[in-house]
PDB file of all heavy atoms in Angstrom:
ATOM      1  N   CYS A   1     -56.112 -33.527  82.511  1.00  0.00           N
ATOM      2  CA  CYS A   1     -54.559 -33.601  82.413  1.00  0.00           C
ATOM      3  C   CYS A   1     -53.994 -34.440  83.569  1.00  0.00           C
ATOM      4  O   CYS A   1     -54.472 -34.163  84.665  1.00  0.00           O
ATOM      5  CB  CYS A   1     -53.981 -32.197  82.459  1.00  0.00           C
ATOM      6  SG  CYS A   1     -52.228 -32.240  82.380  1.00  0.00           S
ATOM      7  N   THR A   2     -53.305 -35.474  83.261  1.00  0.00           N
ATOM      8  CA  THR A   2     -52.639 -36.217  84.323  1.00  0.00           C
ATOM      9  C   THR A   2     -51.161 -36.069  84.073  1.00  0.00           C
ATOM     10  O   THR A   2     -50.641 -35.897  82.922  1.00  0.00           O
ATOM     11  CB  THR A   2     -53.019 -37.765  84.282  1.00  0.00           C
ATOM     12  OG1 THR A   2     -52.750 -38.333  83.041  1.00  0.00           O
ATOM     13  CG2 THR A   2     -54.404 -37.924  84.683  1.00  0.00           C
ATOM     14  N   VAL A   3     -50.334 -36.356  85.097  1.00  0.00           N
ATOM     15  CA  VAL A   3     -48.909 -36.172  85.080  1.00  0.00           C
ATOM     16  C   VAL A   3     -48.152 -37.364  85.818  1.00  0.00           C
ATOM     17  O   VAL A   3     -48.736 -38.215  86.371  1.00  0.00           O
ATOM     18  CB  VAL A   3     -48.361 -34.792  85.636  1.00  0.00           C
ATOM     19  CG1 VAL A   3     -48.947 -33.594  84.852  1.00  0.00           C
ATOM     20  CG2 VAL A   3     -48.909 -34.722  87.158  1.00  0.00           C
ATOM     21  N   GLN A   4     -46.901 -37.361  85.730  1.00  0.00           N
ATOM     22  CA  GLN A   4     -46.044 -38.262  86.480  1.00  0.00           C
ATOM     23  C   GLN A   4     -46.380 -39.728  86.173  1.00  0.00           C
ATOM     24  O   GLN A   4     -46.794 -40.134  85.053  1.00  0.00           O
ATOM     25  CB  GLN A   4     -46.021 -37.894  87.980  1.00  0.00           C
ATOM     26  CG  GLN A   4     -45.353 -36.568  88.162  1.00  0.00           C
ATOM     27  CD  GLN A   4     -45.531 -36.136  89.706  1.00  0.00           C
ATOM     28  OE1 GLN A   4     -46.636 -36.076  90.193  1.00  0.00           O
ATOM     29  NE2 GLN A   4     -44.414 -36.036  90.336  1.00  0.00           N
ATOM     30  N   SER A   5     -46.414 -40.506  87.224  1.00  0.00           N
ATOM     31  CA  SER A   5     -46.654 -42.007  87.075  1.00  0.00           C
ATOM     32  C   SER A   5     -47.985 -42.262  86.663  1.00  0.00           C
ATOM     33  O   SER A   5     -48.233 -43.229  85.789  1.00  0.00           O
ATOM     34  CB  SER A   5     -46.286 -42.743  88.359  1.00  0.00           C
ATOM     35  OG  SER A   5     -47.158 -42.380  89.389  1.00  0.00           O
ATOM     36  N   ASP A   6     -48.936 -41.464  87.080  1.00  0.00           N
ATOM     37  CA  ASP A   6     -50.421 -41.697  86.480  1.00  0.00           C
ATOM     38  C   ASP A   6     -50.430 -41.530  85.071  1.00  0.00           C
ATOM     39  O   ASP A   6     -51.155 -42.331  84.343  1.00  0.00           O
ATOM     40  CB  ASP A   6     -51.371 -40.738  87.264  1.00  0.00           C
ATOM     41  CG  ASP A   6     -51.788 -41.129  88.584  1.00  0.00           C
ATOM     42  OD1 ASP A   6     -51.539 -42.418  88.963  1.00  0.00           O
ATOM     43  OD2 ASP A   6     -52.253 -40.258  89.365  1.00  0.00           O
ATOM     44  N   ALA A   7     -49.839 -40.471  84.516  1.00  0.00           N
ATOM     45  CA  ALA A   7     -49.814 -40.260  83.135  1.00  0.00           C
ATOM     46  C   ALA A   7     -49.179 -41.497  82.191  1.00  0.00           C
ATOM     47  O   ALA A   7     -49.766 -41.961  81.342  1.00  0.00           O
ATOM     48  CB  ALA A   7     -49.051 -38.997  82.799  1.00  0.00           C
ATOM     49  N   PHE A   8     -48.030 -41.935  82.799  1.00  0.00           N
ATOM     50  CA  PHE A   8     -47.427 -43.084  82.195  1.00  0.00           C
ATOM     51  C   PHE A   8     -48.246 -44.294  82.172  1.00  0.00           C
ATOM     52  O   PHE A   8     -48.508 -44.962  81.153  1.00  0.00           O
ATOM     53  CB  PHE A   8     -46.067 -43.321  82.902  1.00  0.00           C
ATOM     54  CG  PHE A   8     -45.316 -44.556  82.439  1.00  0.00           C
ATOM     55  CD1 PHE A   8     -44.680 -44.580  81.331  1.00  0.00           C
ATOM     56  CD2 PHE A   8     -45.449 -45.796  83.131  1.00  0.00           C
ATOM     57  CE1 PHE A   8     -43.996 -45.828  80.843  1.00  0.00           C
ATOM     58  CE2 PHE A   8     -44.879 -46.909  82.732  1.00  0.00           C
ATOM     59  CZ  PHE A   8     -44.123 -46.953  81.564  1.00  0.00           C
ATOM     60  N   ILE A   9     -48.845 -44.580  83.362  1.00  0.00           N
ATOM     61  CA  ILE A   9     -49.683 -45.713  83.376  1.00  0.00           C
ATOM     62  C   ILE A   9     -50.921 -45.685  82.528  1.00  0.00           C
ATOM     63  O   ILE A   9     -51.342 -46.605  81.860  1.00  0.00           O
ATOM     64  CB  ILE A   9     -50.126 -46.059  84.925  1.00  0.00           C
ATOM     65  CG1 ILE A   9     -48.815 -46.399  85.628  1.00  0.00           C
ATOM     66  CG2 ILE A   9     -51.080 -47.198  84.996  1.00  0.00           C
ATOM     67  CD1 ILE A   9     -49.036 -46.496  87.219  1.00  0.00           C
ATOM     68  N   ASP A  10     -51.576 -44.499  82.629  1.00  0.00           N
ATOM     69  CA  ASP A  10     -52.731 -44.247  81.822  1.00  0.00           C
ATOM     70  C   ASP A  10     -52.528 -44.450  80.318  1.00  0.00           C
ATOM     71  O   ASP A  10     -53.289 -44.906  79.645  1.00  0.00           O
ATOM     72  CB  ASP A  10     -53.305 -42.843  81.993  1.00  0.00           C
ATOM     73  CG  ASP A  10     -53.932 -42.579  83.415  1.00  0.00           C
ATOM     74  OD1 ASP A  10     -54.176 -43.590  84.094  1.00  0.00           O
ATOM     75  OD2 ASP A  10     -54.196 -41.418  83.700  1.00  0.00           O
ATOM     76  N   VAL A  11     -51.453 -44.078  79.818  1.00  0.00           N
ATOM     77  CA  VAL A  11     -51.065 -44.272  78.371  1.00  0.00           C
ATOM     78  C   VAL A  11     -50.778 -45.762  78.156  1.00  0.00           C
ATOM     79  O   VAL A  11     -51.342 -46.371  77.248  1.00  0.00           O
ATOM     80  CB  VAL A  11     -49.810 -43.278  78.068  1.00  0.00           C
ATOM     81  CG1 VAL A  11     -49.304 -43.806  76.714  1.00  0.00           C
ATOM     82  CG2 VAL A  11     -50.263 -41.926  78.095  1.00  0.00           C
ATOM     83  N   VAL A  12     -49.835 -46.329  78.888  1.00  0.00           N
ATOM     84  CA  VAL A  12     -49.273 -47.727  78.630  1.00  0.00           C
ATOM     85  C   VAL A  12     -50.474 -48.761  78.633  1.00  0.00           C
ATOM     86  O   VAL A  12     -50.492 -49.577  77.733  1.00  0.00           O
ATOM     87  CB  VAL A  12     -48.172 -48.061  79.580  1.00  0.00           C
ATOM     88  CG1 VAL A  12     -47.795 -49.522  79.412  1.00  0.00           C
ATOM     89  CG2 VAL A  12     -46.889 -47.220  79.240  1.00  0.00           C
ATOM     90  N   ILE A  13     -51.297 -48.582  79.541  1.00  0.00           N
ATOM     91  CA  ILE A  13     -52.410 -49.692  79.675  1.00  0.00           C
ATOM     92  C   ILE A  13     -53.324 -49.720  78.420  1.00  0.00           C
ATOM     93  O   ILE A  13     -54.090 -50.601  78.223  1.00  0.00           O
ATOM     94  CB  ILE A  13     -53.184 -49.545  81.084  1.00  0.00           C
ATOM     95  CG1 ILE A  13     -54.042 -48.305  81.101  1.00  0.00           C
ATOM     96  CG2 ILE A  13     -52.263 -49.807  82.183  1.00  0.00           C
ATOM     97  CD1 ILE A  13     -54.771 -48.141  82.326  1.00  0.00           C
ATOM     98  N   GLN A  14     -53.329 -48.601  77.676  1.00  0.00           N
ATOM     99  CA  GLN A  14     -54.188 -48.512  76.560  1.00  0.00           C
ATOM    100  C   GLN A  14     -53.492 -49.086  75.251  1.00  0.00           C
ATOM    101  O   GLN A  14     -54.141 -49.166  74.131  1.00  0.00           O
ATOM    102  CB  GLN A  14     -54.601 -47.138  76.295  1.00  0.00           C
ATOM    103  CG  GLN A  14     -55.436 -46.459  77.317  1.00  0.00           C
ATOM    104  CD  GLN A  14     -55.787 -45.058  76.959  1.00  0.00           C
ATOM    105  OE1 GLN A  14     -56.521 -44.749  75.988  1.00  0.00           O
ATOM    106  NE2 GLN A  14     -55.414 -44.116  77.722  1.00  0.00           N
ATOM    107  N   LEU A  15     -52.306 -49.678  75.364  1.00  0.00           N
ATOM    108  CA  LEU A  15     -51.628 -50.243  74.254  1.00  0.00           C
ATOM    109  C   LEU A  15     -51.906 -51.729  74.136  1.00  0.00           C
ATOM    110  O   LEU A  15     -51.424 -52.237  73.236  1.00  0.00           O
ATOM    111  CB  LEU A  15     -50.136 -50.022  74.464  1.00  0.00           C
ATOM    112  CG  LEU A  15     -49.602 -48.563  74.456  1.00  0.00           C
ATOM    113  CD1 LEU A  15     -48.103 -48.497  74.663  1.00  0.00           C
ATOM    114  CD2 LEU A  15     -49.981 -47.838  73.086  1.00  0.00           C
ATOM    115  N   GLY A  16     -52.749 -52.130  75.045  1.00  0.00           N
ATOM    116  CA  GLY A  16     -53.146 -53.691  74.832  1.00  0.00           C
ATOM    117  C   GLY A  16     -52.079 -54.603  75.548  1.00  0.00           C
ATOM    118  O   GLY A  16     -51.253 -54.072  76.278  1.00  0.00           O
ATOM    119  N   TRP A  17     -52.236 -55.804  75.237  1.00  0.00           N
ATOM    120  CA  TRP A  17     -51.262 -56.896  75.788  1.00  0.00           C
ATOM    121  C   TRP A  17     -49.927 -56.768  75.298  1.00  0.00           C
ATOM    122  O   TRP A  17     -49.857 -56.517  74.049  1.00  0.00           O
ATOM    123  CB  TRP A  17     -51.991 -58.237  75.673  1.00  0.00           C
ATOM    124  CG  TRP A  17     -51.214 -59.262  76.206  1.00  0.00           C
ATOM    125  CD1 TRP A  17     -50.321 -60.089  75.744  1.00  0.00           C
ATOM    126  CD2 TRP A  17     -51.245 -59.676  77.625  1.00  0.00           C
ATOM    127  NE1 TRP A  17     -49.782 -60.981  76.567  1.00  0.00           N
ATOM    128  CE2 TRP A  17     -50.382 -60.665  77.754  1.00  0.00           C
ATOM    129  CE3 TRP A  17     -51.921 -59.111  78.706  1.00  0.00           C
ATOM    130  CZ2 TRP A  17     -50.083 -61.331  78.959  1.00  0.00           C
ATOM    131  CZ3 TRP A  17     -51.653 -59.738  80.033  1.00  0.00           C
ATOM    132  CH2 TRP A  17     -50.723 -60.838  80.095  1.00  0.00           C
ATOM    133  N   PRO A  18     -48.923 -56.912  75.960  1.00  0.00           N
ATOM    134  CA  PRO A  18     -48.720 -57.182  77.383  1.00  0.00           C
ATOM    135  C   PRO A  18     -48.678 -55.890  78.188  1.00  0.00           C
ATOM    136  O   PRO A  18     -48.642 -55.910  79.524  1.00  0.00           O
ATOM    137  CB  PRO A  18     -47.438 -57.954  77.469  1.00  0.00           C
ATOM    138  CG  PRO A  18     -46.595 -57.374  76.451  1.00  0.00           C
ATOM    139  CD  PRO A  18     -47.591 -56.996  75.306  1.00  0.00           C
ATOM    140  N   TRP A  19     -48.752 -54.710  77.531  1.00  0.00           N
ATOM    141  CA  TRP A  19     -48.587 -53.391  78.248  1.00  0.00           C
ATOM    142  C   TRP A  19     -49.710 -53.189  79.257  1.00  0.00           C
ATOM    143  O   TRP A  19     -49.532 -52.482  80.255  1.00  0.00           O
ATOM    144  CB  TRP A  19     -48.520 -52.295  77.260  1.00  0.00           C
ATOM    145  CG  TRP A  19     -47.463 -52.697  76.161  1.00  0.00           C
ATOM    146  CD1 TRP A  19     -47.715 -52.897  74.758  1.00  0.00           C
ATOM    147  CD2 TRP A  19     -46.094 -52.904  76.214  1.00  0.00           C
ATOM    148  NE1 TRP A  19     -46.631 -53.344  74.215  1.00  0.00           N
ATOM    149  CE2 TRP A  19     -45.536 -53.214  75.047  1.00  0.00           C
ATOM    150  CE3 TRP A  19     -45.230 -52.816  77.389  1.00  0.00           C
ATOM    151  CZ2 TRP A  19     -44.223 -53.432  74.805  1.00  0.00           C
ATOM    152  CZ3 TRP A  19     -43.817 -53.072  77.201  1.00  0.00           C
ATOM    153  CH2 TRP A  19     -43.236 -53.342  75.992  1.00  0.00           C
ATOM    154  N   ARG A  20     -50.821 -53.721  79.040  1.00  0.00           N
ATOM    155  CA  ARG A  20     -51.951 -53.468  79.944  1.00  0.00           C
ATOM    156  C   ARG A  20     -51.664 -53.958  81.313  1.00  0.00           C
ATOM    157  O   ARG A  20     -52.148 -53.596  82.352  1.00  0.00           O
ATOM    158  CB  ARG A  20     -53.202 -54.323  79.499  1.00  0.00           C
ATOM    159  CG  ARG A  20     -54.439 -54.132  80.185  1.00  0.00           C
ATOM    160  CD  ARG A  20     -55.645 -54.876  79.621  1.00  0.00           C
ATOM    161  NE  ARG A  20     -55.649 -54.585  78.215  1.00  0.00           N
ATOM    162  CZ  ARG A  20     -56.544 -53.718  77.679  1.00  0.00           C
ATOM    163  NH1 ARG A  20     -57.354 -53.066  78.359  1.00  0.00           N
ATOM    164  NH2 ARG A  20     -56.601 -53.530  76.367  1.00  0.00           N
ATOM    165  N   MET A  21     -50.626 -54.940  81.505  1.00  0.00           N
ATOM    166  CA  MET A  21     -50.183 -55.346  82.753  1.00  0.00           C
ATOM    167  C   MET A  21     -49.672 -54.282  83.600  1.00  0.00           C
ATOM    168  O   MET A  21     -49.525 -54.474  84.864  1.00  0.00           O
ATOM    169  CB  MET A  21     -49.213 -56.572  82.690  1.00  0.00           C
ATOM    170  CG  MET A  21     -49.921 -57.766  82.065  1.00  0.00           C
ATOM    171  SD  MET A  21     -48.740 -59.202  81.738  1.00  0.00           S
ATOM    172  CE  MET A  21     -47.690 -59.141  83.162  1.00  0.00           C
ATOM    173  N   ALA A  22     -49.282 -53.153  83.052  1.00  0.00           N
ATOM    174  CA  ALA A  22     -48.619 -52.008  83.838  1.00  0.00           C
ATOM    175  C   ALA A  22     -49.689 -51.565  84.856  1.00  0.00           C
ATOM    176  O   ALA A  22     -49.306 -50.855  85.729  1.00  0.00           O
ATOM    177  CB  ALA A  22     -48.193 -50.938  82.822  1.00  0.00           C
ATOM    178  N   LYS A  23     -50.972 -51.826  84.616  1.00  0.00           N
ATOM    179  CA  LYS A  23     -51.999 -51.525  85.571  1.00  0.00           C
ATOM    180  C   LYS A  23     -51.613 -51.875  86.975  1.00  0.00           C
ATOM    181  O   LYS A  23     -52.117 -51.268  87.974  1.00  0.00           O
ATOM    182  CB  LYS A  23     -53.353 -51.990  85.165  1.00  0.00           C
ATOM    183  CG  LYS A  23     -54.463 -51.422  85.799  1.00  0.00           C
ATOM    184  CD  LYS A  23     -55.774 -52.010  85.176  1.00  0.00           C
ATOM    185  CE  LYS A  23     -56.764 -50.841  84.984  1.00  0.00           C
ATOM    186  NZ  LYS A  23     -57.983 -51.266  84.220  1.00  0.00           N
ATOM    187  N   ILE A  24     -50.932 -52.945  87.183  1.00  0.00           N
ATOM    188  CA  ILE A  24     -50.452 -53.498  88.421  1.00  0.00           C
ATOM    189  C   ILE A  24     -49.700 -52.381  89.290  1.00  0.00           C
ATOM    190  O   ILE A  24     -49.600 -52.438  90.519  1.00  0.00           O
ATOM    191  CB  ILE A  24     -49.880 -54.838  88.348  1.00  0.00           C
ATOM    192  CG1 ILE A  24     -49.830 -55.634  89.809  1.00  0.00           C
ATOM    193  CG2 ILE A  24     -48.369 -54.779  87.752  1.00  0.00           C
ATOM    194  CD1 ILE A  24     -49.504 -56.997  89.623  1.00  0.00           C
ATOM    195  N   LEU A  25     -49.063 -51.596  88.450  1.00  0.00           N
ATOM    196  CA  LEU A  25     -48.231 -50.482  89.137  1.00  0.00           C
ATOM    197  C   LEU A  25     -49.032 -49.665  90.128  1.00  0.00           C
ATOM    198  O   LEU A  25     -48.605 -49.078  91.115  1.00  0.00           O
ATOM    199  CB  LEU A  25     -47.501 -49.715  88.138  1.00  0.00           C
ATOM    200  CG  LEU A  25     -46.437 -50.438  87.262  1.00  0.00           C
ATOM    201  CD1 LEU A  25     -45.960 -49.473  86.183  1.00  0.00           C
ATOM    202  CD2 LEU A  25     -45.254 -50.869  88.183  1.00  0.00           C
ATOM    203  N   ARG A  26     -50.364 -49.557  89.803  1.00  0.00           N
ATOM    204  CA  ARG A  26     -51.262 -48.794  90.675  1.00  0.00           C
ATOM    205  C   ARG A  26     -51.295 -49.339  92.169  1.00  0.00           C
ATOM    206  O   ARG A  26     -51.775 -48.550  93.151  1.00  0.00           O
ATOM    207  CB  ARG A  26     -52.603 -48.690  90.163  1.00  0.00           C
ATOM    208  CG  ARG A  26     -52.629 -47.938  88.784  1.00  0.00           C
ATOM    209  CD  ARG A  26     -53.927 -47.273  88.644  1.00  0.00           C
ATOM    210  NE  ARG A  26     -54.036 -46.772  87.316  1.00  0.00           N
ATOM    211  CZ  ARG A  26     -53.670 -45.543  86.867  1.00  0.00           C
ATOM    212  NH1 ARG A  26     -53.009 -44.789  87.692  1.00  0.00           N
ATOM    213  NH2 ARG A  26     -53.823 -45.245  85.601  1.00  0.00           N
ATOM    214  N   ILE A  27     -50.875 -50.581  92.416  1.00  0.00           N
ATOM    215  CA  ILE A  27     -50.900 -51.167  93.797  1.00  0.00           C
ATOM    216  C   ILE A  27     -49.808 -50.378  94.580  1.00  0.00           C
ATOM    217  O   ILE A  27     -49.808 -50.375  95.830  1.00  0.00           O
ATOM    218  CB  ILE A  27     -50.700 -52.631  93.930  1.00  0.00           C
ATOM    219  CG1 ILE A  27     -49.406 -53.142  93.454  1.00  0.00           C
ATOM    220  CG2 ILE A  27     -51.964 -53.333  93.194  1.00  0.00           C
ATOM    221  CD1 ILE A  27     -49.175 -54.522  93.670  1.00  0.00           C
ATOM    222  N   ILE A  28     -48.841 -49.891  94.009  1.00  0.00           N
ATOM    223  CA  ILE A  28     -47.791 -49.110  94.572  1.00  0.00           C
ATOM    224  C   ILE A  28     -48.307 -47.657  94.993  1.00  0.00           C
ATOM    225  O   ILE A  28     -48.951 -47.023  94.091  1.00  0.00           O
ATOM    226  CB  ILE A  28     -46.521 -48.893  93.709  1.00  0.00           C
ATOM    227  CG1 ILE A  28     -45.925 -50.260  93.359  1.00  0.00           C
ATOM    228  CG2 ILE A  28     -45.453 -48.038  94.392  1.00  0.00           C
ATOM    229  CD1 ILE A  28     -44.919 -50.177  92.226  1.00  0.00           C
ATOM    230  N   PRO A  29     -48.192 -47.270  96.156  1.00  0.00           N
ATOM    231  CA  PRO A  29     -48.682 -45.861  96.560  1.00  0.00           C
ATOM    232  C   PRO A  29     -48.206 -44.848  95.568  1.00  0.00           C
ATOM    233  O   PRO A  29     -47.074 -44.908  95.228  1.00  0.00           O
ATOM    234  CB  PRO A  29     -48.208 -45.708  98.046  1.00  0.00           C
ATOM    235  CG  PRO A  29     -47.893 -47.093  98.544  1.00  0.00           C
ATOM    236  CD  PRO A  29     -47.520 -47.898  97.304  1.00  0.00           C
TER     237      PRO A  29
END
């Protein structure tokens, strides 16, 4: 189970292009 911003990012990056670019949000602490 993941929550908060990790959950959002984990979901969105699986939607393919261009949503995969959300992975860059992980550089934010």
